[in-house]
C-alpha atoms as a PDB file:
ATOM      1  CA  MET A   1       4.129  -8.310  18.860  1.00  0.00           C
ATOM      2  CA  GLY A   2       4.298  -4.734  20.040  1.00  0.00           C
ATOM      3  CA  GLY A   3       7.439  -5.473  22.041  1.00  0.00           C
ATOM      4  CA  TRP A   4       9.558  -7.135  19.367  1.00  0.00           C
ATOM      5  CA  ALA A   5      13.131  -5.852  19.181  1.00  0.00           C
ATOM      6  CA  ARG A   6      14.821  -4.834  15.966  1.00  0.00           C
ATOM      7  CA  GLY A   7      17.220  -7.186  14.232  1.00  0.00           C
ATOM      8  CA  LYS A   8      20.381  -6.272  12.355  1.00  0.00           C
ATOM      9  CA  VAL A   9      21.081  -6.379   8.618  1.00  0.00           C
ATOM     10  CA  ASN A  10      24.704  -5.849   7.539  1.00  0.00           C
ATOM     11  CA  GLY A  11      25.405  -4.251  10.902  1.00  0.00           C
ATOM     12  CA  HIS A  12      22.519  -1.797  10.651  1.00  0.00           C
ATOM     13  CA  SER A  13      19.130  -1.792  12.332  1.00  0.00           C
ATOM     14  CA  ALA A  14      16.818  -3.822  10.087  1.00  0.00           C
ATOM     15  CA  MET A  15      14.082  -2.047   8.170  1.00  0.00           C
ATOM     16  CA  ARG A  16      10.802  -3.573   9.383  1.00  0.00           C
ATOM     17  CA  VAL A  17       7.424  -3.357   7.671  1.00  0.00           C
ATOM     18  CA  LEU A  18       4.176  -4.696   9.114  1.00  0.00           C
ATOM     19  CA  ALA A  19       1.609  -6.022   6.621  1.00  0.00           C
ATOM     20  CA  PHE A  20      -2.069  -6.573   7.391  1.00  0.00           C
ATOM     21  CA  ARG A  21      -3.589  -9.431   5.404  1.00  0.00           C
ATOM     22  CA  HIS A  22      -7.397  -9.481   5.328  1.00  0.00           C
ATOM     23  CA  ILE A  23      -7.977 -12.940   3.835  1.00  0.00           C
ATOM     24  CA  ASP A  24      -5.552 -15.812   3.431  1.00  0.00           C
ATOM     25  CA  ILE A  25      -5.567 -15.824  -0.400  1.00  0.00           C
ATOM     26  CA  GLU A  26      -4.611 -12.139  -0.728  1.00  0.00           C
ATOM     27  CA  GLY A  27      -1.022 -11.965   0.461  1.00  0.00           C
ATOM     28  CA  PRO A  28       1.933  -9.760  -0.567  1.00  0.00           C
ATOM     29  CA  GLY A  29       2.735 -11.917  -3.600  1.00  0.00           C
ATOM     30  CA  LEU A  30       5.420 -10.434  -5.847  1.00  0.00           C
ATOM     31  CA  LEU A  31       5.943  -7.528  -3.483  1.00  0.00           C
ATOM     32  CA  GLU A  32       7.434  -9.760  -0.790  1.00  0.00           C
ATOM     33  CA  ALA A  33      10.445 -10.624  -2.962  1.00  0.00           C
ATOM     34  CA  ALA A  34      10.863  -6.999  -4.049  1.00  0.00           C
ATOM     35  CA  LEU A  35      11.149  -5.894  -0.424  1.00  0.00           C
ATOM     36  CA  ALA A  36      13.449  -8.771   0.509  1.00  0.00           C
ATOM     37  CA  GLU A  37      15.849  -7.719  -2.272  1.00  0.00           C
ATOM     38  CA  ARG A  38      16.309  -4.432  -0.438  1.00  0.00           C
ATOM     39  CA  ASP A  39      16.779  -6.125   2.955  1.00  0.00           C
ATOM     40  CA  ILE A  40      13.344  -5.013   4.163  1.00  0.00           C
ATOM     41  CA  GLU A  41      11.930  -7.416   6.748  1.00  0.00           C
ATOM     42  CA  LEU A  42       8.222  -8.043   6.166  1.00  0.00           C
ATOM     43  CA  THR A  43       5.967  -9.303   8.972  1.00  0.00           C
ATOM     44  CA  VAL A  44       2.588 -10.463   7.631  1.00  0.00           C
ATOM     45  CA  LEU A  45      -0.211 -10.499  10.195  1.00  0.00           C
ATOM     46  CA  ASP A  46      -3.634 -12.051   9.590  1.00  0.00           C
ATOM     47  CA  ALA A  47      -5.821  -9.178  10.720  1.00  0.00           C
ATOM     48  CA  TRP A  48      -8.988 -11.249  11.157  1.00  0.00           C
ATOM     49  CA  ARG A  49      -7.246 -13.508  13.656  1.00  0.00           C
ATOM     50  CA  ASP A  50      -4.299 -11.655  15.196  1.00  0.00           C
ATOM     51  CA  ILE A  51      -5.092  -7.937  15.185  1.00  0.00           C
ATOM     52  CA  ASP A  52      -5.256  -7.896  18.998  1.00  0.00           C
ATOM     53  CA  GLN A  53      -1.568  -8.867  19.132  1.00  0.00           C
ATOM     54  CA  VAL A  54      -0.658  -5.380  17.897  1.00  0.00           C
ATOM     55  CA  GLN A  55      -1.229  -2.593  20.382  1.00  0.00           C
ATOM     56  CA  THR A  56       0.983  -0.096  18.519  1.00  0.00           C
ATOM     57  CA  VAL A  57       2.938   0.175  15.263  1.00  0.00           C
ATOM     58  CA  ALA A  58       5.775   2.047  16.996  1.00  0.00           C
ATOM     59  CA  ASN A  59       8.257  -0.829  16.599  1.00  0.00           C
ATOM     60  CA  PHE A  60       7.875  -0.900  12.815  1.00  0.00           C
ATOM     61  CA  ASP A  61       9.177   1.446  10.136  1.00  0.00           C
ATOM     62  CA  GLY A  62       6.376   1.021   7.626  1.00  0.00           C
ATOM     63  CA  LEU A  63       2.849  -0.311   7.131  1.00  0.00           C
ATOM     64  CA  LEU A  64       1.564  -2.368   4.184  1.00  0.00           C
ATOM     65  CA  LEU A  65      -2.195  -2.874   3.803  1.00  0.00           C
ATOM     66  CA  LEU A  66      -3.240  -5.672   1.467  1.00  0.00           C
ATOM     67  CA  GLY A  67      -6.493  -6.382  -0.348  1.00  0.00           C
ATOM     68  CA  GLY A  68      -9.637  -8.240   0.658  1.00  0.00           C
ATOM     69  CA  PRO A  69     -13.279  -8.820  -0.352  1.00  0.00           C
ATOM     70  CA  MET A  70     -14.748  -6.600   2.370  1.00  0.00           C
ATOM     71  CA  ASN A  71     -15.492  -2.853   2.156  1.00  0.00           C
ATOM     72  CA  VAL A  72     -14.203  -0.113   4.441  1.00  0.00           C
ATOM     73  CA  ALA A  73     -17.714   0.355   5.886  1.00  0.00           C
ATOM     74  CA  ASN A  74     -18.042  -3.305   6.940  1.00  0.00           C
ATOM     75  CA  GLU A  75     -16.809  -2.865  10.535  1.00  0.00           C
ATOM     76  CA  GLY A  76     -19.955  -4.484  11.902  1.00  0.00           C
ATOM     77  CA  ASP A  77     -19.312  -7.675   9.920  1.00  0.00           C
ATOM     78  CA  PHE A  78     -15.549  -7.710  10.442  1.00  0.00           C
ATOM     79  CA  PRO A  79     -14.646  -6.714  14.038  1.00  0.00           C
ATOM     80  CA  PHE A  80     -10.926  -6.533  13.253  1.00  0.00           C
ATOM     81  CA  MET A  81     -11.444  -3.479  11.054  1.00  0.00           C
ATOM     82  CA  ALA A  82     -11.989  -0.980  13.880  1.00  0.00           C
ATOM     83  CA  PRO A  83      -8.677  -1.718  15.653  1.00  0.00           C
ATOM     84  CA  GLU A  84      -6.913  -1.896  12.278  1.00  0.00           C
ATOM     85  CA  LYS A  85      -8.189   1.574  11.410  1.00  0.00           C
ATOM     86  CA  ARG A  86      -6.869   2.847  14.739  1.00  0.00           C
ATOM     87  CA  LEU A  87      -3.424   1.464  13.910  1.00  0.00           C
ATOM     88  CA  ILE A  88      -3.552   3.017  10.435  1.00  0.00           C
ATOM     89  CA  ARG A  89      -4.278   6.419  11.950  1.00  0.00           C
ATOM     90  CA  GLU A  90      -1.404   5.906  14.387  1.00  0.00           C
ATOM     91  CA  ALA A  91       0.968   5.079  11.523  1.00  0.00           C
ATOM     92  CA  LEU A  92      -0.098   8.193   9.621  1.00  0.00           C
ATOM     93  CA  ASP A  93       0.268  10.336  12.739  1.00  0.00           C
ATOM     94  CA  ARG A  94       3.778   8.955  13.190  1.00  0.00           C
ATOM     95  CA  ARG A  95       4.516   9.851   9.548  1.00  0.00           C
ATOM     96  CA  MET A  96       5.481   6.264   8.801  1.00  0.00           C
ATOM     97  CA  GLY A  97       5.769   4.998   5.252  1.00  0.00           C
ATOM     98  CA  CYS A  98       2.359   3.530   4.363  1.00  0.00           C
ATOM     99  CA  VAL A  99       1.353   1.556   1.270  1.00  0.00           C
ATOM    100  CA  GLY A 100      -2.103   0.192   0.491  1.00  0.00           C
ATOM    101  CA  ILE A 101      -3.317  -2.063  -2.323  1.00  0.00           C
ATOM    102  CA  CYS A 102      -7.001  -2.270  -3.335  1.00  0.00           C
ATOM    103  CA  LEU A 103      -8.880  -2.501   0.007  1.00  0.00           C
ATOM    104  CA  GLY A 104      -5.664  -1.301   1.658  1.00  0.00           C
ATOM    105  CA  ALA A 105      -5.637   1.821  -0.497  1.00  0.00           C
ATOM    106  CA  GLN A 106      -9.278   2.456   0.360  1.00  0.00           C
ATOM    107  CA  LEU A 107      -8.467   2.178   4.066  1.00  0.00           C
ATOM    108  CA  LEU A 108      -5.640   4.697   3.675  1.00  0.00           C
ATOM    109  CA  ALA A 109      -7.799   7.074   1.657  1.00  0.00           C
ATOM    110  CA  GLU A 110     -10.584   6.916   4.257  1.00  0.00           C
ATOM    111  CA  ALA A 111      -8.112   7.574   7.075  1.00  0.00           C
ATOM    112  CA  LEU A 112      -6.894  10.620   5.136  1.00  0.00           C
ATOM    113  CA  GLY A 113     -10.430  11.997   4.858  1.00  0.00           C
ATOM    114  CA  ALA A 114     -11.331  10.899   1.327  1.00  0.00           C
ATOM    115  CA  ARG A 115     -14.634   9.293   0.362  1.00  0.00           C
ATOM    116  CA  VAL A 116     -14.813   5.591  -0.512  1.00  0.00           C
ATOM    117  CA  ALA A 117     -17.894   4.443  -2.433  1.00  0.00           C
ATOM    118  CA  SER A 118     -19.081   2.184  -5.233  1.00  0.00           C
ATOM    119  CA  GLY A 119     -17.358   2.832  -8.527  1.00  0.00           C
ATOM    120  CA  ARG A 120     -19.056   3.385 -11.877  1.00  0.00           C
ATOM    121  CA  HIS A 121     -18.893  -0.373 -12.320  1.00  0.00           C
ATOM    122  CA  ALA A 122     -16.762  -3.229 -11.061  1.00  0.00           C
ATOM    123  CA  GLU A 123     -13.407  -3.829 -12.701  1.00  0.00           C
ATOM    124  CA  ILE A 124     -12.245  -7.445 -12.704  1.00  0.00           C
ATOM    125  CA  GLY A 125      -9.409  -8.804 -14.792  1.00  0.00           C
ATOM    126  CA  TRP A 126      -6.893  -7.139 -17.082  1.00  0.00           C
ATOM    127  CA  MET A 127      -7.527  -3.533 -18.088  1.00  0.00           C
ATOM    128  CA  PRO A 128      -5.255  -0.778 -19.379  1.00  0.00           C
ATOM    129  CA  LEU A 129      -3.994   1.629 -16.751  1.00  0.00           C
ATOM    130  CA  GLU A 130      -3.387   5.212 -17.832  1.00  0.00           C
ATOM    131  CA  LEU A 131      -0.358   6.626 -16.053  1.00  0.00           C
ATOM    132  CA  ARG A 132      -0.853  10.291 -15.207  1.00  0.00           C
ATOM    133  CA  LYS A 133       2.457  12.097 -15.597  1.00  0.00           C
ATOM    134  CA  GLY A 134       1.260  15.708 -15.755  1.00  0.00           C
ATOM    135  CA  GLU A 135       2.447  16.715 -12.281  1.00  0.00           C
ATOM    136  CA  PRO A 136       6.181  16.642 -11.456  1.00  0.00           C
ATOM    137  CA  ALA A 137       5.745  14.177  -8.580  1.00  0.00           C
ATOM    138  CA  ALA A 138       3.762  11.814 -10.818  1.00  0.00           C
ATOM    139  CA  ALA A 139       6.250  12.107 -13.682  1.00  0.00           C
ATOM    140  CA  ALA A 140       9.105  11.318 -11.292  1.00  0.00           C
ATOM    141  CA  PHE A 141       7.189   8.384  -9.818  1.00  0.00           C
ATOM    142  CA  TRP A 142       6.493   6.702 -13.153  1.00  0.00           C
ATOM    143  CA  GLY A 143       9.709   7.621 -14.924  1.00  0.00           C
ATOM    144  CA  ASP A 144       9.966   5.996 -18.369  1.00  0.00           C
ATOM    145  CA  LEU A 145       7.340   3.310 -17.710  1.00  0.00           C
ATOM    146  CA  PRO A 146       5.116   3.248 -20.828  1.00  0.00           C
ATOM    147  CA  SER A 147       1.450   4.202 -20.648  1.00  0.00           C
ATOM    148  CA  PRO A 148      -1.004   2.577 -20.749  1.00  0.00           C
ATOM    149  CA  ALA A 149       0.315  -0.151 -18.479  1.00  0.00           C
ATOM    150  CA  SER A 150      -1.143  -3.632 -18.000  1.00  0.00           C
ATOM    151  CA  ALA A 151      -2.636  -3.989 -14.527  1.00  0.00           C
ATOM    152  CA  PHE A 152      -4.769  -6.558 -12.750  1.00  0.00           C
ATOM    153  CA  HIS A 153      -8.028  -5.355 -11.223  1.00  0.00           C
ATOM    154  CA  TRP A 154     -10.594  -6.778  -8.825  1.00  0.00           C
ATOM    155  CA  HIS A 155     -12.726  -4.133  -7.151  1.00  0.00           C
ATOM    156  CA  GLY A 156     -16.239  -2.734  -6.995  1.00  0.00           C
ATOM    157  CA  GLN A 157     -15.501   0.294  -4.825  1.00  0.00           C
ATOM    158  CA  ALA A 158     -13.131   3.196  -5.386  1.00  0.00           C
ATOM    159  CA  PHE A 159     -11.599   6.039  -3.397  1.00  0.00           C
ATOM    160  CA  GLY A 160     -11.586   9.771  -3.860  1.00  0.00           C
ATOM    161  CA  LEU A 161      -8.304  11.661  -3.949  1.00  0.00           C
ATOM    162  CA  PRO A 162      -7.115  12.596  -0.439  1.00  0.00           C
ATOM    163  CA  GLU A 163      -6.450  16.288   0.127  1.00  0.00           C
ATOM    164  CA  GLY A 164      -2.933  17.232  -0.941  1.00  0.00           C
ATOM    165  CA  ALA A 165      -2.300  13.922  -2.734  1.00  0.00           C
ATOM    166  CA  THR A 166      -1.023  13.538  -6.297  1.00  0.00           C
ATOM    167  CA  ALA A 167      -3.164  11.471  -8.688  1.00  0.00           C
ATOM    168  CA  LEU A 168      -1.023   8.817 -10.362  1.00  0.00           C
ATOM    169  CA  ALA A 169      -3.284   6.696 -12.575  1.00  0.00           C
ATOM    170  CA  SER A 170      -6.795   6.110 -13.894  1.00  0.00           C
ATOM    171  CA  THR A 171      -8.914   3.687 -15.897  1.00  0.00           C
ATOM    172  CA  GLU A 172     -12.070   4.123 -17.939  1.00  0.00           C
ATOM    173  CA  ALA A 173     -14.277   3.347 -14.914  1.00  0.00           C
ATOM    174  CA  THR A 174     -12.109   4.648 -12.067  1.00  0.00           C
ATOM    175  CA  GLU A 175     -10.807   8.203 -12.038  1.00  0.00           C
ATOM    176  CA  HIS A 176      -8.385   7.641  -9.176  1.00  0.00           C
ATOM    177  CA  GLN A 177      -6.508   4.369  -9.471  1.00  0.00           C
ATOM    178  CA  ALA A 178      -3.507   5.487  -7.422  1.00  0.00           C
ATOM    179  CA  PHE A 179      -2.298   8.375  -5.283  1.00  0.00           C
ATOM    180  CA  LEU A 180       0.912   9.541  -3.631  1.00  0.00           C
ATOM    181  CA  LEU A 181       0.956  11.814  -0.604  1.00  0.00           C
ATOM    182  CA  GLY A 182       4.065  13.546   0.690  1.00  0.00           C
ATOM    183  CA  GLY A 183       6.357  10.882  -0.736  1.00  0.00           C
ATOM    184  CA  ARG A 184       5.450   8.568   2.159  1.00  0.00           C
ATOM    185  CA  VAL A 185       1.882   7.330   1.513  1.00  0.00           C
ATOM    186  CA  LEU A 186       1.021   5.343  -1.620  1.00  0.00           C
ATOM    187  CA  GLY A 187      -2.321   3.782  -2.500  1.00  0.00           C
ATOM    188  CA  THR A 188      -3.154   1.725  -5.592  1.00  0.00           C
ATOM    189  CA  GLN A 189      -6.646   0.505  -6.431  1.00  0.00           C
ATOM    190  CA  PHE A 190      -5.183  -1.858  -9.037  1.00  0.00           C
ATOM    191  CA  HIS A 191      -3.042  -4.868  -8.196  1.00  0.00           C
ATOM    192  CA  PHE A 192       0.646  -5.173  -9.035  1.00  0.00           C
ATOM    193  CA  GLU A 193       1.509  -7.865  -6.477  1.00  0.00           C
ATOM    194  CA  VAL A 194      -0.670 -10.659  -7.876  1.00  0.00           C
ATOM    195  CA  THR A 195       0.964 -13.813  -9.227  1.00  0.00           C
ATOM    196  CA  ALA A 196      -0.691 -16.142 -11.745  1.00  0.00           C
ATOM    197  CA  GLU A 197      -1.193 -18.643  -8.923  1.00  0.00           C
ATOM    198  CA  MET A 198      -2.945 -16.000  -6.816  1.00  0.00           C
ATOM    199  CA  ALA A 199      -5.195 -15.082  -9.754  1.00  0.00           C
ATOM    200  CA  ARG A 200      -6.230 -18.722 -10.135  1.00  0.00           C
ATOM    201  CA  GLY A 201      -6.979 -18.900  -6.422  1.00  0.00           C
ATOM    202  CA  TRP A 202      -9.109 -15.765  -6.561  1.00  0.00           C
ATOM    203  CA  ALA A 203     -11.048 -17.013  -9.583  1.00  0.00           C
ATOM    204  CA  ALA A 204     -11.910 -20.183  -7.657  1.00  0.00           C
ATOM    205  CA  ALA A 205     -12.660 -18.528  -4.309  1.00  0.00           C
ATOM    206  CA  TYR A 206     -14.697 -15.671  -5.790  1.00  0.00           C
ATOM    207  CA  ARG A 207     -16.475 -17.643  -8.522  1.00  0.00           C
ATOM    208  CA  GLY A 208     -19.840 -16.575  -7.126  1.00  0.00           C
ATOM    209  CA  GLU A 209     -18.934 -12.916  -7.658  1.00  0.00           C
ATOM    210  CA  LEU A 210     -17.725 -13.691 -11.189  1.00  0.00           C
ATOM    211  CA  ARG A 211     -21.092 -15.316 -12.012  1.00  0.00           C
ATOM    212  CA  GLU A 212     -22.989 -12.407 -10.469  1.00  0.00           C
ATOM    213  CA  ARG A 213     -21.010  -9.876 -12.498  1.00  0.00           C
ATOM    214  CA  CYS A 214     -21.068 -12.007 -15.674  1.00  0.00           C
ATOM    215  CA  VAL A 215     -17.277 -12.210 -15.826  1.00  0.00           C
ATOM    216  CA  ASN A 216     -15.752 -15.214 -17.608  1.00  0.00           C
ATOM    217  CA  PRO A 217     -13.044 -16.666 -15.319  1.00  0.00           C
ATOM    218  CA  SER A 218     -11.244 -18.135 -18.331  1.00  0.00           C
ATOM    219  CA  GLY A 219     -10.730 -14.667 -19.742  1.00  0.00           C
ATOM    220  CA  VAL A 220      -9.278 -13.479 -16.445  1.00  0.00           C
ATOM    221  CA  LEU A 221      -6.836 -16.378 -16.270  1.00  0.00           C
ATOM    222  CA  GLU A 222      -5.863 -16.349 -19.945  1.00  0.00           C
ATOM    223  CA  GLY A 223      -4.893 -12.717 -19.490  1.00  0.00           C
ATOM    224  CA  CYS A 224      -2.174 -13.768 -17.048  1.00  0.00           C
ATOM    225  CA  ALA A 225      -0.157 -15.170 -19.947  1.00  0.00           C
ATOM    226  CA  ARG A 226      -1.204 -12.567 -22.505  1.00  0.00           C
ATOM    227  CA  HIS A 227      -0.196  -9.623 -20.308  1.00  0.00           C
ATOM    228  CA  ALA A 228       2.748 -11.286 -18.563  1.00  0.00           C
ATOM    229  CA  GLU A 229       5.545  -9.224 -20.117  1.00  0.00           C
ATOM    230  CA  ALA A 230       3.899  -5.804 -19.728  1.00  0.00           C
ATOM    231  CA  TYR A 231       2.628  -6.674 -16.245  1.00  0.00           C
ATOM    232  CA  ALA A 232       6.132  -7.686 -15.159  1.00  0.00           C
ATOM    233  CA  LEU A 233       7.357  -4.182 -16.082  1.00  0.00           C
ATOM    234  CA  LEU A 234       4.668  -2.567 -13.938  1.00  0.00           C
ATOM    235  CA  SER A 235       5.164  -4.959 -11.029  1.00  0.00           C
ATOM    236  CA  ARG A 236       8.952  -4.533 -10.957  1.00  0.00           C
ATOM    237  CA  HIS A 237       8.665  -0.750 -11.175  1.00  0.00           C
ATOM    238  CA  LEU A 238       6.174  -0.533  -8.331  1.00  0.00           C
ATOM    239  CA  GLY A 239       8.062  -3.043  -6.228  1.00  0.00           C
ATOM    240  CA  GLU A 240      11.109  -0.814  -6.450  1.00  0.00           C
ATOM    241  CA  ARG A 241       9.073   2.319  -5.747  1.00  0.00           C
ATOM    242  CA  VAL A 242       7.465   0.782  -2.670  1.00  0.00           C
ATOM    243  CA  ALA A 243      10.841  -0.330  -1.322  1.00  0.00           C
ATOM    244  CA  ARG A 244      12.286   3.128  -1.952  1.00  0.00           C
ATOM    245  CA  LEU A 245       9.319   4.799  -0.249  1.00  0.00           C
ATOM    246  CA  PHE A 246       9.876   2.764   2.906  1.00  0.00           C
ATOM    247  CA  LEU A 247      13.658   3.203   2.885  1.00  0.00           C
ATOM    248  CA  ASP A 248      13.635   6.933   2.114  1.00  0.00           C
ATOM    249  CA  ASN A 249      11.052   7.618   4.790  1.00  0.00           C
ATOM    250  CA  ARG A 250      13.108   5.657   7.340  1.00  0.00           C
ATOM    251  CA  ALA A 251      16.174   7.712   6.333  1.00  0.00           C
ATOM    252  CA  ASN A 252      14.220  10.938   6.904  1.00  0.00           C
ATOM    253  CA  ILE A 253      13.221   9.761  10.381  1.00  0.00           C
ATOM    254  CA  ASP A 254      16.800   8.801  11.250  1.00  0.00           C
ATOM    255  CA  ARG A 255      18.096  12.132   9.981  1.00  0.00           C
ATOM    256  CA  SER A 256      15.536  14.060  12.030  1.00  0.00           C
ATOM    257  CA  VAL A 257      16.434  12.115  15.181  1.00  0.00           C
ATOM    258  CA  LYS A 258      20.155  12.840  14.663  1.00  0.00           C
ATOM    259  CA  GLU A 259      19.472  16.547  14.155  1.00  0.00           C
ATOM    260  CA  VAL A 260      17.386  16.672  17.325  1.00  0.00           C
ATOM    261  CA  SER A 261      20.065  14.834  19.332  1.00  0.00           C
ATOM    262  CA  ARG A 262      22.597  17.566  18.522  1.00  0.00           C
ATOM    263  CA  GLU A 263      20.373  20.379  19.757  1.00  0.00           C
ATOM    264  CA  PRO A 264      19.212  21.060  23.340  1.00  0.00           C
ATOM    265  CA  SER A 265      15.462  20.837  23.754  1.00  0.00           C
ATOM    266  CA  ARG A 266      12.877  21.271  26.440  1.00  0.00           C
ATOM    267  CA  LEU A 267      10.862  18.422  24.952  1.00  0.00           C
ATOM    268  CA  PRO A 268      11.583  14.716  25.458  1.00  0.00           C
ATOM    269  CA  ALA A 269      13.740  13.434  22.585  1.00  0.00           C
ATOM    270  CA  HIS A 270      11.015  11.391  20.863  1.00  0.00           C
ATOM    271  CA  GLU A 271       8.545  14.298  20.945  1.00  0.00           C
ATOM    272  CA  GLU A 272      11.110  16.764  19.621  1.00  0.00           C
ATOM    273  CA  ALA A 273      12.066  14.374  16.830  1.00  0.00           C
ATOM    274  CA  ARG A 274       8.467  14.172  15.709  1.00  0.00           C
ATOM    275  CA  ALA A 275       8.081  17.952  15.917  1.00  0.00           C
ATOM    276  CA  ALA A 276      11.230  18.450  13.848  1.00  0.00           C
ATOM    277  CA  ALA A 277       9.930  16.017  11.251  1.00  0.00           C
ATOM    278  CA  HIS A 278       6.662  17.905  10.926  1.00  0.00           C
ATOM    279  CA  ARG A 279       8.561  21.191  10.539  1.00  0.00           C
ATOM    280  CA  SER A 280      11.193  20.293   8.016  1.00  0.00           C
ATOM    281  CA  TRP A 281      10.740  16.956   6.253  1.00  0.00           C
ATOM    282  CA  GLN A 282      11.476  17.021   2.551  1.00  0.00           C
ATOM    283  CA  TYR A 283      10.526  13.940   0.584  1.00  0.00           C
ATOM    284  CA  PRO A 284      12.247  12.880  -2.626  1.00  0.00           C
ATOM    285  CA  PRO A 285      10.046  12.208  -5.670  1.00  0.00           C
END
C-alpha cells in the first residue's frame, strides 16, 4: 500500500485520505459520502488485519481514525495499535490533515500529549452537545449551527485537551467532546458519522455492554428517528468541515512546495518544503 501512485480527478492529482477501521461494524458511515462529494478518495484499511501493509503514510494527504471498543492503553491485547500509533505520529510530524472520531480522537489526543482516561460516566445514546463558540476559531468552526446539537455517543473514556488546541464542544459528563488544533487536526468524542443501520448493528454487537451499563437498547434506537432532523444538521456540517480541513491542508502543502521550488536551497526539496511549512503555515478557521 505504501507504494500506491496518485490518481487524477478532473485533471488534478486526487486528494487521498487513509482511514483506519478498528472493527468491521464501525466504518466511516455518513462521512464517506461527504468526502466523495468533494472528490476526496477514501481508502479504508482494517487495522486489525492489514496494518502491516502500511509502512508509511507519505503517499496520502490525510488520515482518518475511526472508532472501536478498545482503549488507547490496550496495545497488549490489540497488537495492531502500536504500529498504528507510529503511523499517527508520522502523520502529525508531516503536518497532514488528521481527523479522529471517538477512539480515533483519543488516539490523536494521546499522540499530542494529552491524557486519556475513564470519563465521569459512560455516555451511550443520544445526548445534547453544547457547542463552545467563545473562541474565534470555535465560533468560525461551528458557524450558525444551533446549540445544543443532537449527537450520538458511545464511550466510557475521554481525552484531555491537547496543548494549543481549541475546545469545541462538551456534554454534562465530558468536558472535552471535541478539539481543533492548528486548523489541521480535529478530534470528536461524539459520533456524527453513524447511520441508523450502524446504530442497530452496535446495539446488537455490544448488547453485553448495554446490559452491564443498564442502558435500554430500545431507547438508543428510538432516538435515531426522534433526533433525525437535528442530527442531520450536525452530520452535514461536520462532513463539510472535515472535507474542508483535508482540502485546505493539502492546498497549504502544495503552496509551500511551490514557494520552495522558486527559491534556491541547500536542503533537498522535500526537507525544505517541510521546513517552510513549519515556518509560515497559516490555517483558515
